[in-house]
Amino acid sequence: MDNSCNLVAILVNVQSMKKSISDQSVIETLQQVGIAGTPQRLAVLNILQNAGQPLSINLIRGKLEAKTHINKVTVYRIMSLFKEKGIVRDVSAAGGAVYFEMATSDHPVHPHFSCKSCGKLNCLTPLTFSQARQLTASRDNCRVDHIEINISGLCDGCLHATKLQSLPEKKG
């Protein structure tokens, strides 16, 4: 066997190990909150854990289509259960769109930026505990159950497009 075949075998094995670790993490997350690991729940949670940004129900369904067919109502029920158990949180974007992201200890609360033009939602740097505490420091008699900071405006791409549209046309 030549070295290139060995390298391919090693790469395939590493990818398989990563998938196995990811699958185990998904199963453990569900077990920790007492949720049965049905194939649909495992698939949805796996997508959310591997997402680099919050996802809408339609985006989740789109990613599921390659693996299995799950109707929209089932995905909403799964997300409702995950939210009730505290493993996901919803994020409201400009225009009222709702996105979902992980709410576990390795996915701390953080602000989001929502573009009012294209609807893109981006995660911003997480708040430290002391920064979050400062938000309620002046309130002596309160209990914080939820912190959500959403900033809206125009993303770089839409801002650039707006600037290009406002340039005067050249007459030739």
N, C-alpha and C. Protein backbone atom coordinates (compact mmCIF):
# COMPACT_ATOMS: atom_id res chain seq x y z
N MET A 1 0.85 -1.18 0.00
CA MET A 1 0.00 0.00 0.00
C MET A 1 0.89 1.24 0.00
N ASP A 2 0.62 2.19 -0.88
CA ASP A 2 1.47 3.37 -0.92
C ASP A 2 1.03 4.39 0.15
N ASN A 3 1.85 5.42 0.33
CA ASN A 3 1.59 6.40 1.38
C ASN A 3 0.30 7.19 1.16
N SER A 4 -0.08 7.44 -0.11
CA SER A 4 -1.31 8.19 -0.36
C SER A 4 -2.54 7.40 0.08
N CYS A 5 -2.52 6.09 -0.08
CA CYS A 5 -3.64 5.26 0.38
C CYS A 5 -3.71 5.28 1.91
N ASN A 6 -2.54 5.23 2.56
CA ASN A 6 -2.52 5.30 4.03
C ASN A 6 -3.08 6.62 4.51
N LEU A 7 -2.72 7.71 3.84
CA LEU A 7 -3.19 9.03 4.22
C LEU A 7 -4.71 9.12 4.07
N VAL A 8 -5.24 8.59 2.97
CA VAL A 8 -6.69 8.61 2.75
C VAL A 8 -7.39 7.80 3.84
N ALA A 9 -6.85 6.64 4.17
CA ALA A 9 -7.45 5.81 5.22
C ALA A 9 -7.44 6.53 6.56
N ILE A 10 -6.36 7.23 6.86
CA ILE A 10 -6.28 7.98 8.12
C ILE A 10 -7.30 9.11 8.13
N LEU A 11 -7.42 9.85 7.03
CA LEU A 11 -8.38 10.95 6.95
C LEU A 11 -9.81 10.46 7.10
N VAL A 12 -10.14 9.34 6.45
CA VAL A 12 -11.48 8.77 6.56
C VAL A 12 -11.75 8.35 8.00
N ASN A 13 -10.75 7.75 8.66
CA ASN A 13 -10.90 7.32 10.05
C ASN A 13 -11.10 8.52 10.97
N VAL A 14 -10.35 9.61 10.76
CA VAL A 14 -10.48 10.81 11.58
C VAL A 14 -11.88 11.40 11.42
N GLN A 15 -12.38 11.48 10.18
CA GLN A 15 -13.74 12.01 9.95
C GLN A 15 -14.78 11.14 10.64
N SER A 16 -14.62 9.85 10.58
CA SER A 16 -15.54 8.92 11.23
C SER A 16 -15.51 9.11 12.74
N MET A 17 -14.31 9.31 13.32
CA MET A 17 -14.18 9.54 14.76
C MET A 17 -14.85 10.84 15.16
N LYS A 18 -14.68 11.91 14.34
CA LYS A 18 -15.30 13.20 14.64
C LYS A 18 -16.82 13.06 14.65
N LYS A 19 -17.38 12.34 13.65
CA LYS A 19 -18.82 12.14 13.57
C LYS A 19 -19.30 11.35 14.78
N SER A 20 -18.56 10.34 15.17
CA SER A 20 -18.92 9.52 16.32
C SER A 20 -18.92 10.35 17.60
N ILE A 21 -17.91 11.21 17.78
CA ILE A 21 -17.84 12.08 18.96
C ILE A 21 -19.01 13.06 18.95
N SER A 22 -19.32 13.64 17.78
CA SER A 22 -20.43 14.57 17.66
C SER A 22 -21.75 13.88 17.99
N ASP A 23 -21.96 12.67 17.45
CA ASP A 23 -23.17 11.91 17.72
C ASP A 23 -23.29 11.61 19.21
N GLN A 24 -22.19 11.24 19.85
CA GLN A 24 -22.21 10.94 21.28
C GLN A 24 -22.55 12.19 22.08
N SER A 25 -22.03 13.33 21.68
CA SER A 25 -22.32 14.60 22.35
C SER A 25 -23.81 14.92 22.26
N VAL A 26 -24.41 14.69 21.11
CA VAL A 26 -25.84 14.94 20.92
C VAL A 26 -26.66 14.02 21.82
N ILE A 27 -26.30 12.76 21.86
CA ILE A 27 -27.01 11.79 22.70
C ILE A 27 -26.90 12.19 24.17
N GLU A 28 -25.69 12.57 24.61
CA GLU A 28 -25.48 12.97 26.01
C GLU A 28 -26.28 14.21 26.35
N THR A 29 -26.35 15.18 25.43
CA THR A 29 -27.11 16.40 25.67
C THR A 29 -28.58 16.07 25.92
N LEU A 30 -29.14 15.18 25.11
CA LEU A 30 -30.54 14.80 25.29
C LEU A 30 -30.73 14.02 26.59
N GLN A 31 -29.81 13.11 26.89
CA GLN A 31 -29.92 12.32 28.12
C GLN A 31 -29.86 13.19 29.37
N GLN A 32 -29.02 14.22 29.35
CA GLN A 32 -28.86 15.10 30.51
C GLN A 32 -30.15 15.81 30.88
N VAL A 33 -31.02 16.05 29.91
CA VAL A 33 -32.27 16.75 30.18
C VAL A 33 -33.48 15.81 30.14
N GLY A 34 -33.22 14.52 30.02
CA GLY A 34 -34.28 13.52 30.08
C GLY A 34 -35.14 13.42 28.84
N ILE A 35 -34.56 13.68 27.68
CA ILE A 35 -35.29 13.58 26.42
C ILE A 35 -34.85 12.30 25.71
N ALA A 36 -35.83 11.52 25.23
CA ALA A 36 -35.52 10.31 24.47
C ALA A 36 -34.86 10.70 23.14
N GLY A 37 -33.88 9.94 22.75
CA GLY A 37 -33.12 10.25 21.53
C GLY A 37 -33.70 9.62 20.29
N THR A 38 -34.82 10.14 19.81
CA THR A 38 -35.39 9.64 18.56
C THR A 38 -34.50 10.08 17.40
N PRO A 39 -34.57 9.38 16.28
CA PRO A 39 -33.75 9.78 15.12
C PRO A 39 -33.98 11.23 14.69
N GLN A 40 -35.25 11.69 14.74
CA GLN A 40 -35.55 13.06 14.34
C GLN A 40 -34.92 14.06 15.31
N ARG A 41 -35.04 13.82 16.61
CA ARG A 41 -34.46 14.73 17.61
C ARG A 41 -32.94 14.76 17.49
N LEU A 42 -32.34 13.59 17.30
CA LEU A 42 -30.88 13.53 17.15
C LEU A 42 -30.44 14.32 15.93
N ALA A 43 -31.16 14.18 14.84
CA ALA A 43 -30.80 14.88 13.59
C ALA A 43 -30.91 16.39 13.77
N VAL A 44 -32.00 16.86 14.39
CA VAL A 44 -32.19 18.30 14.58
C VAL A 44 -31.12 18.86 15.51
N LEU A 45 -30.87 18.17 16.63
CA LEU A 45 -29.88 18.67 17.59
C LEU A 45 -28.47 18.65 16.99
N ASN A 46 -28.17 17.66 16.20
CA ASN A 46 -26.86 17.58 15.54
C ASN A 46 -26.66 18.78 14.62
N ILE A 47 -27.70 19.15 13.88
CA ILE A 47 -27.63 20.32 12.99
C ILE A 47 -27.37 21.59 13.80
N LEU A 48 -28.11 21.74 14.91
CA LEU A 48 -27.95 22.94 15.74
C LEU A 48 -26.57 23.00 16.38
N GLN A 49 -26.07 21.85 16.86
CA GLN A 49 -24.75 21.85 17.50
C GLN A 49 -23.63 22.18 16.52
N ASN A 50 -23.82 21.84 15.26
CA ASN A 50 -22.77 22.08 14.27
C ASN A 50 -22.95 23.40 13.51
N ALA A 51 -24.02 24.12 13.82
CA ALA A 51 -24.28 25.39 13.12
C ALA A 51 -23.39 26.48 13.71
N GLY A 52 -22.89 27.32 12.86
CA GLY A 52 -22.06 28.44 13.31
C GLY A 52 -22.87 29.68 13.62
N GLN A 53 -24.18 29.62 13.43
CA GLN A 53 -25.06 30.75 13.65
C GLN A 53 -26.46 30.22 13.93
N PRO A 54 -27.34 31.08 14.46
CA PRO A 54 -28.73 30.65 14.70
C PRO A 54 -29.40 30.27 13.38
N LEU A 55 -30.31 29.31 13.46
CA LEU A 55 -30.99 28.80 12.26
C LEU A 55 -32.50 28.94 12.40
N SER A 56 -33.15 29.24 11.29
CA SER A 56 -34.61 29.27 11.25
C SER A 56 -35.13 27.85 11.06
N ILE A 57 -36.40 27.66 11.29
CA ILE A 57 -37.02 26.34 11.06
C ILE A 57 -36.80 25.91 9.61
N ASN A 58 -36.96 26.84 8.67
CA ASN A 58 -36.77 26.50 7.25
C ASN A 58 -35.34 26.07 6.96
N LEU A 59 -34.36 26.74 7.56
CA LEU A 59 -32.97 26.34 7.36
C LEU A 59 -32.71 24.96 7.96
N ILE A 60 -33.27 24.70 9.14
CA ILE A 60 -33.12 23.39 9.77
C ILE A 60 -33.74 22.32 8.88
N ARG A 61 -34.95 22.57 8.39
CA ARG A 61 -35.61 21.60 7.50
C ARG A 61 -34.80 21.37 6.22
N GLY A 62 -34.21 22.44 5.69
CA GLY A 62 -33.39 22.31 4.49
C GLY A 62 -32.19 21.41 4.72
N LYS A 63 -31.57 21.55 5.88
CA LYS A 63 -30.42 20.71 6.21
C LYS A 63 -30.84 19.27 6.50
N LEU A 64 -32.06 19.08 6.98
CA LEU A 64 -32.57 17.74 7.27
C LEU A 64 -32.91 16.98 6.00
N GLU A 65 -33.30 17.70 4.96
CA GLU A 65 -33.77 17.05 3.74
C GLU A 65 -32.77 16.05 3.17
N ALA A 66 -31.48 16.34 3.35
CA ALA A 66 -30.46 15.43 2.84
C ALA A 66 -30.42 14.13 3.64
N LYS A 67 -30.90 14.17 4.89
CA LYS A 67 -30.81 13.02 5.77
C LYS A 67 -32.12 12.27 5.91
N THR A 68 -33.20 13.01 6.12
CA THR A 68 -34.49 12.39 6.40
C THR A 68 -35.60 13.39 6.13
N HIS A 69 -36.81 12.91 6.00
CA HIS A 69 -37.95 13.82 5.81
C HIS A 69 -38.65 14.02 7.15
N ILE A 70 -38.71 15.26 7.58
CA ILE A 70 -39.44 15.62 8.80
C ILE A 70 -40.31 16.82 8.44
N ASN A 71 -41.60 16.72 8.73
CA ASN A 71 -42.47 17.85 8.38
C ASN A 71 -42.24 19.02 9.33
N LYS A 72 -42.73 20.16 8.91
CA LYS A 72 -42.50 21.41 9.64
C LYS A 72 -43.07 21.37 11.06
N VAL A 73 -44.24 20.78 11.23
CA VAL A 73 -44.87 20.70 12.55
C VAL A 73 -44.00 19.90 13.51
N THR A 74 -43.43 18.80 13.03
CA THR A 74 -42.56 17.97 13.88
C THR A 74 -41.33 18.76 14.30
N VAL A 75 -40.76 19.51 13.38
CA VAL A 75 -39.57 20.31 13.71
C VAL A 75 -39.95 21.36 14.77
N TYR A 76 -41.11 22.01 14.62
CA TYR A 76 -41.56 22.98 15.63
C TYR A 76 -41.76 22.31 16.99
N ARG A 77 -42.33 21.12 17.00
CA ARG A 77 -42.53 20.40 18.27
C ARG A 77 -41.20 20.05 18.92
N ILE A 78 -40.25 19.61 18.11
CA ILE A 78 -38.92 19.28 18.63
C ILE A 78 -38.27 20.53 19.21
N MET A 79 -38.36 21.64 18.48
CA MET A 79 -37.74 22.88 18.97
C MET A 79 -38.42 23.37 20.25
N SER A 80 -39.73 23.21 20.33
CA SER A 80 -40.46 23.60 21.54
C SER A 80 -40.00 22.77 22.73
N LEU A 81 -39.84 21.47 22.53
CA LEU A 81 -39.35 20.59 23.60
C LEU A 81 -37.92 20.96 24.00
N PHE A 82 -37.06 21.19 23.03
CA PHE A 82 -35.67 21.57 23.32
C PHE A 82 -35.62 22.90 24.09
N LYS A 83 -36.48 23.83 23.70
CA LYS A 83 -36.52 25.13 24.38
C LYS A 83 -37.03 24.95 25.82
N GLU A 84 -38.07 24.17 25.99
CA GLU A 84 -38.64 23.90 27.32
C GLU A 84 -37.59 23.27 28.25
N LYS A 85 -36.74 22.42 27.70
CA LYS A 85 -35.71 21.74 28.49
C LYS A 85 -34.43 22.57 28.63
N GLY A 86 -34.37 23.73 27.95
CA GLY A 86 -33.25 24.64 28.12
C GLY A 86 -32.00 24.32 27.32
N ILE A 87 -32.14 23.52 26.27
CA ILE A 87 -30.95 23.23 25.47
C ILE A 87 -30.87 24.10 24.21
N VAL A 88 -31.96 24.77 23.87
CA VAL A 88 -31.92 25.77 22.79
C VAL A 88 -32.63 27.03 23.27
N ARG A 89 -32.33 28.13 22.63
CA ARG A 89 -33.05 29.38 22.87
C ARG A 89 -33.43 29.94 21.51
N ASP A 90 -34.50 30.72 21.52
CA ASP A 90 -34.88 31.37 20.26
C ASP A 90 -34.36 32.80 20.27
N VAL A 91 -34.11 33.28 19.08
CA VAL A 91 -33.59 34.62 18.88
C VAL A 91 -34.50 35.31 17.88
N SER A 92 -35.03 36.47 18.26
CA SER A 92 -35.89 37.23 17.35
C SER A 92 -35.02 38.17 16.53
N ALA A 93 -35.24 38.15 15.24
CA ALA A 93 -34.48 39.01 14.34
C ALA A 93 -35.36 40.16 13.86
N ALA A 94 -34.74 41.11 13.18
CA ALA A 94 -35.49 42.23 12.60
C ALA A 94 -36.57 41.66 11.69
N GLY A 95 -37.75 42.24 11.75
CA GLY A 95 -38.84 41.78 10.92
C GLY A 95 -39.64 40.65 11.55
N GLY A 96 -39.27 40.22 12.77
CA GLY A 96 -40.03 39.20 13.48
C GLY A 96 -39.63 37.76 13.20
N ALA A 97 -38.65 37.52 12.36
CA ALA A 97 -38.21 36.15 12.10
C ALA A 97 -37.63 35.55 13.38
N VAL A 98 -37.86 34.24 13.59
CA VAL A 98 -37.35 33.56 14.77
C VAL A 98 -36.30 32.54 14.35
N TYR A 99 -35.18 32.58 15.05
CA TYR A 99 -34.08 31.66 14.81
C TYR A 99 -33.82 30.89 16.10
N PHE A 100 -33.13 29.76 15.99
CA PHE A 100 -32.81 28.94 17.15
C PHE A 100 -31.32 28.67 17.20
N GLU A 101 -30.80 28.61 18.44
CA GLU A 101 -29.40 28.28 18.65
C GLU A 101 -29.27 27.49 19.95
N MET A 102 -28.13 26.86 20.12
CA MET A 102 -27.87 26.09 21.33
C MET A 102 -27.82 27.02 22.54
N ALA A 103 -28.25 26.51 23.70
CA ALA A 103 -28.25 27.29 24.93
C ALA A 103 -27.49 26.55 26.03
N THR A 104 -26.52 25.74 25.64
CA THR A 104 -25.75 24.97 26.60
C THR A 104 -24.55 25.78 27.09
N SER A 105 -23.84 25.25 28.08
CA SER A 105 -22.73 26.00 28.69
C SER A 105 -21.63 26.35 27.68
N ASP A 106 -21.46 25.56 26.64
CA ASP A 106 -20.45 25.89 25.64
C ASP A 106 -20.99 26.83 24.56
N HIS A 107 -22.22 27.29 24.73
CA HIS A 107 -22.84 28.30 23.85
C HIS A 107 -23.46 29.38 24.74
N PRO A 108 -22.63 30.25 25.34
CA PRO A 108 -23.15 31.24 26.29
C PRO A 108 -24.04 32.30 25.63
N VAL A 109 -24.81 32.98 26.46
CA VAL A 109 -25.66 34.07 25.99
C VAL A 109 -24.78 35.12 25.31
N HIS A 110 -25.24 35.61 24.18
CA HIS A 110 -24.48 36.62 23.45
C HIS A 110 -25.45 37.47 22.63
N PRO A 111 -25.03 38.68 22.30
CA PRO A 111 -25.87 39.55 21.46
C PRO A 111 -25.84 39.11 20.00
N HIS A 112 -26.81 39.59 19.24
CA HIS A 112 -26.91 39.27 17.81
C HIS A 112 -27.08 40.55 17.02
N PHE A 113 -26.62 40.53 15.78
CA PHE A 113 -26.84 41.63 14.85
C PHE A 113 -27.72 41.11 13.73
N SER A 114 -28.81 41.80 13.48
CA SER A 114 -29.76 41.40 12.46
C SER A 114 -29.82 42.49 11.38
N CYS A 115 -29.61 42.10 10.13
CA CYS A 115 -29.69 43.05 9.03
C CYS A 115 -31.14 43.27 8.64
N LYS A 116 -31.57 44.53 8.64
CA LYS A 116 -32.96 44.86 8.32
C LYS A 116 -33.24 44.73 6.82
N SER A 117 -32.20 44.65 6.01
CA SER A 117 -32.40 44.55 4.57
C SER A 117 -32.46 43.10 4.10
N CYS A 118 -31.41 42.33 4.39
CA CYS A 118 -31.35 40.95 3.89
C CYS A 118 -31.82 39.92 4.91
N GLY A 119 -31.96 40.32 6.18
CA GLY A 119 -32.44 39.41 7.21
C GLY A 119 -31.38 38.53 7.84
N LYS A 120 -30.14 38.66 7.41
CA LYS A 120 -29.07 37.83 7.94
C LYS A 120 -28.87 38.12 9.43
N LEU A 121 -28.67 37.06 10.21
CA LEU A 121 -28.49 37.18 11.65
C LEU A 121 -27.09 36.69 12.00
N ASN A 122 -26.33 37.53 12.67
CA ASN A 122 -24.96 37.18 13.05
C ASN A 122 -24.80 37.21 14.56
N CYS A 123 -24.00 36.27 15.07
CA CYS A 123 -23.68 36.24 16.49
C CYS A 123 -22.54 37.22 16.76
N LEU A 124 -22.65 37.94 17.87
CA LEU A 124 -21.60 38.85 18.30
C LEU A 124 -20.89 38.24 19.50
N THR A 125 -19.82 38.85 19.95
CA THR A 125 -19.03 38.34 21.07
C THR A 125 -19.89 38.18 22.32
N PRO A 126 -19.81 37.01 22.97
CA PRO A 126 -20.61 36.78 24.19
C PRO A 126 -20.28 37.79 25.29
N LEU A 127 -21.29 38.08 26.12
CA LEU A 127 -21.11 38.93 27.28
C LEU A 127 -20.43 38.14 28.39
N THR A 128 -19.59 38.81 29.14
CA THR A 128 -19.06 38.18 30.34
C THR A 128 -20.13 38.27 31.41
N PHE A 129 -20.00 37.48 32.45
CA PHE A 129 -20.98 37.50 33.53
C PHE A 129 -21.04 38.90 34.16
N SER A 130 -19.88 39.53 34.35
CA SER A 130 -19.88 40.85 34.98
C SER A 130 -20.56 41.89 34.08
N GLN A 131 -20.41 41.77 32.78
CA GLN A 131 -21.09 42.69 31.87
C GLN A 131 -22.61 42.51 31.95
N ALA A 132 -23.04 41.26 32.01
CA ALA A 132 -24.47 40.98 32.11
C ALA A 132 -25.02 41.49 33.44
N ARG A 133 -24.26 41.33 34.52
CA ARG A 133 -24.69 41.82 35.85
C ARG A 133 -24.84 43.34 35.84
N GLN A 134 -23.97 44.04 35.14
CA GLN A 134 -24.02 45.50 35.10
C GLN A 134 -25.33 46.00 34.49
N LEU A 135 -25.93 45.20 33.62
CA LEU A 135 -27.19 45.59 32.99
C LEU A 135 -28.31 45.73 34.02
N THR A 136 -28.20 44.98 35.13
CA THR A 136 -29.26 45.02 36.15
C THR A 136 -28.76 45.55 37.48
N ALA A 137 -27.55 46.10 37.52
CA ALA A 137 -26.94 46.54 38.78
C ALA A 137 -27.78 47.59 39.51
N SER A 138 -28.46 48.44 38.79
CA SER A 138 -29.24 49.49 39.43
C SER A 138 -30.58 48.98 39.95
N ARG A 139 -30.92 47.77 39.65
CA ARG A 139 -32.18 47.16 40.08
C ARG A 139 -31.92 46.25 41.28
N ASP A 140 -32.28 46.71 42.47
CA ASP A 140 -32.02 45.91 43.67
C ASP A 140 -32.97 44.73 43.80
N ASN A 141 -34.22 44.94 43.50
CA ASN A 141 -35.22 43.89 43.70
C ASN A 141 -35.66 43.27 42.39
N CYS A 142 -34.75 42.53 41.78
CA CYS A 142 -35.13 41.87 40.54
C CYS A 142 -34.42 40.52 40.43
N ARG A 143 -35.01 39.67 39.63
CA ARG A 143 -34.41 38.38 39.32
C ARG A 143 -34.33 38.29 37.80
N VAL A 144 -33.15 38.07 37.27
CA VAL A 144 -32.97 37.99 35.83
C VAL A 144 -33.20 36.55 35.39
N ASP A 145 -34.17 36.36 34.52
CA ASP A 145 -34.46 35.04 33.97
C ASP A 145 -33.99 34.91 32.53
N HIS A 146 -33.85 36.05 31.88
CA HIS A 146 -33.54 36.00 30.45
C HIS A 146 -32.86 37.30 30.04
N ILE A 147 -31.80 37.17 29.28
CA ILE A 147 -31.15 38.34 28.71
C ILE A 147 -31.09 38.12 27.20
N GLU A 148 -31.58 39.09 26.46
CA GLU A 148 -31.52 39.00 25.00
C GLU A 148 -31.17 40.38 24.47
N ILE A 149 -30.06 40.46 23.76
CA ILE A 149 -29.65 41.73 23.17
C ILE A 149 -29.58 41.54 21.66
N ASN A 150 -30.45 42.25 20.96
CA ASN A 150 -30.48 42.19 19.51
C ASN A 150 -30.23 43.58 18.96
N ILE A 151 -29.27 43.67 18.08
CA ILE A 151 -28.92 44.93 17.44
C ILE A 151 -29.31 44.80 15.97
N SER A 152 -29.99 45.80 15.43
CA SER A 152 -30.37 45.71 14.03
C SER A 152 -29.84 46.92 13.27
N GLY A 153 -29.68 46.73 12.01
CA GLY A 153 -29.15 47.77 11.13
C GLY A 153 -28.90 47.17 9.76
N LEU A 154 -27.88 47.66 9.08
CA LEU A 154 -27.50 47.11 7.77
C LEU A 154 -26.16 46.41 7.87
N CYS A 155 -26.10 45.18 7.37
CA CYS A 155 -24.83 44.46 7.35
C CYS A 155 -23.88 45.10 6.33
N ASP A 156 -22.65 44.67 6.35
CA ASP A 156 -21.64 45.24 5.46
C ASP A 156 -22.04 45.14 3.98
N GLY A 157 -22.55 43.96 3.59
CA GLY A 157 -22.95 43.76 2.19
C GLY A 157 -24.08 44.68 1.77
N CYS A 158 -25.10 44.80 2.61
CA CYS A 158 -26.25 45.66 2.27
C CYS A 158 -25.88 47.13 2.35
N LEU A 159 -25.04 47.49 3.28
CA LEU A 159 -24.58 48.88 3.39
C LEU A 159 -23.79 49.26 2.14
N HIS A 160 -22.93 48.35 1.69
CA HIS A 160 -22.14 48.59 0.48
C HIS A 160 -23.06 48.72 -0.74
N ALA A 161 -24.07 47.84 -0.83
CA ALA A 161 -25.00 47.89 -1.96
C ALA A 161 -25.79 49.20 -1.95
N THR A 162 -26.18 49.67 -0.77
CA THR A 162 -26.91 50.93 -0.64
C THR A 162 -26.05 52.09 -1.11
N LYS A 163 -24.78 52.07 -0.73
CA LYS A 163 -23.86 53.14 -1.16
C LYS A 163 -23.70 53.14 -2.67
N LEU A 164 -23.60 51.94 -3.26
CA LEU A 164 -23.45 51.86 -4.72
C LEU A 164 -24.69 52.38 -5.43
N GLN A 165 -25.87 52.10 -4.89
CA GLN A 165 -27.12 52.56 -5.50
C GLN A 165 -27.26 54.07 -5.43
N SER A 166 -26.66 54.67 -4.42
CA SER A 166 -26.80 56.12 -4.25
C SER A 166 -25.78 56.92 -5.04
N LEU A 167 -24.83 56.24 -5.68
CA LEU A 167 -23.85 56.96 -6.51
C LEU A 167 -24.54 57.50 -7.75
N PRO A 168 -24.20 58.72 -8.17
CA PRO A 168 -24.81 59.28 -9.39
C PRO A 168 -24.33 58.48 -10.60
N GLU A 169 -25.26 58.32 -11.55
CA GLU A 169 -24.92 57.60 -12.78
C GLU A 169 -24.02 58.49 -13.65
N LYS A 170 -23.04 57.85 -14.30
CA LYS A 170 -22.15 58.59 -15.20
C LYS A 170 -22.82 58.71 -16.56
N LYS A 171 -22.82 59.93 -17.08
CA LYS A 171 -23.39 60.15 -18.41
C LYS A 171 -22.26 60.16 -19.43
N GLY A 172 -22.44 59.45 -20.47
CA GLY A 172 -21.34 59.36 -21.42
C GLY A 172 -21.69 59.62 -22.78
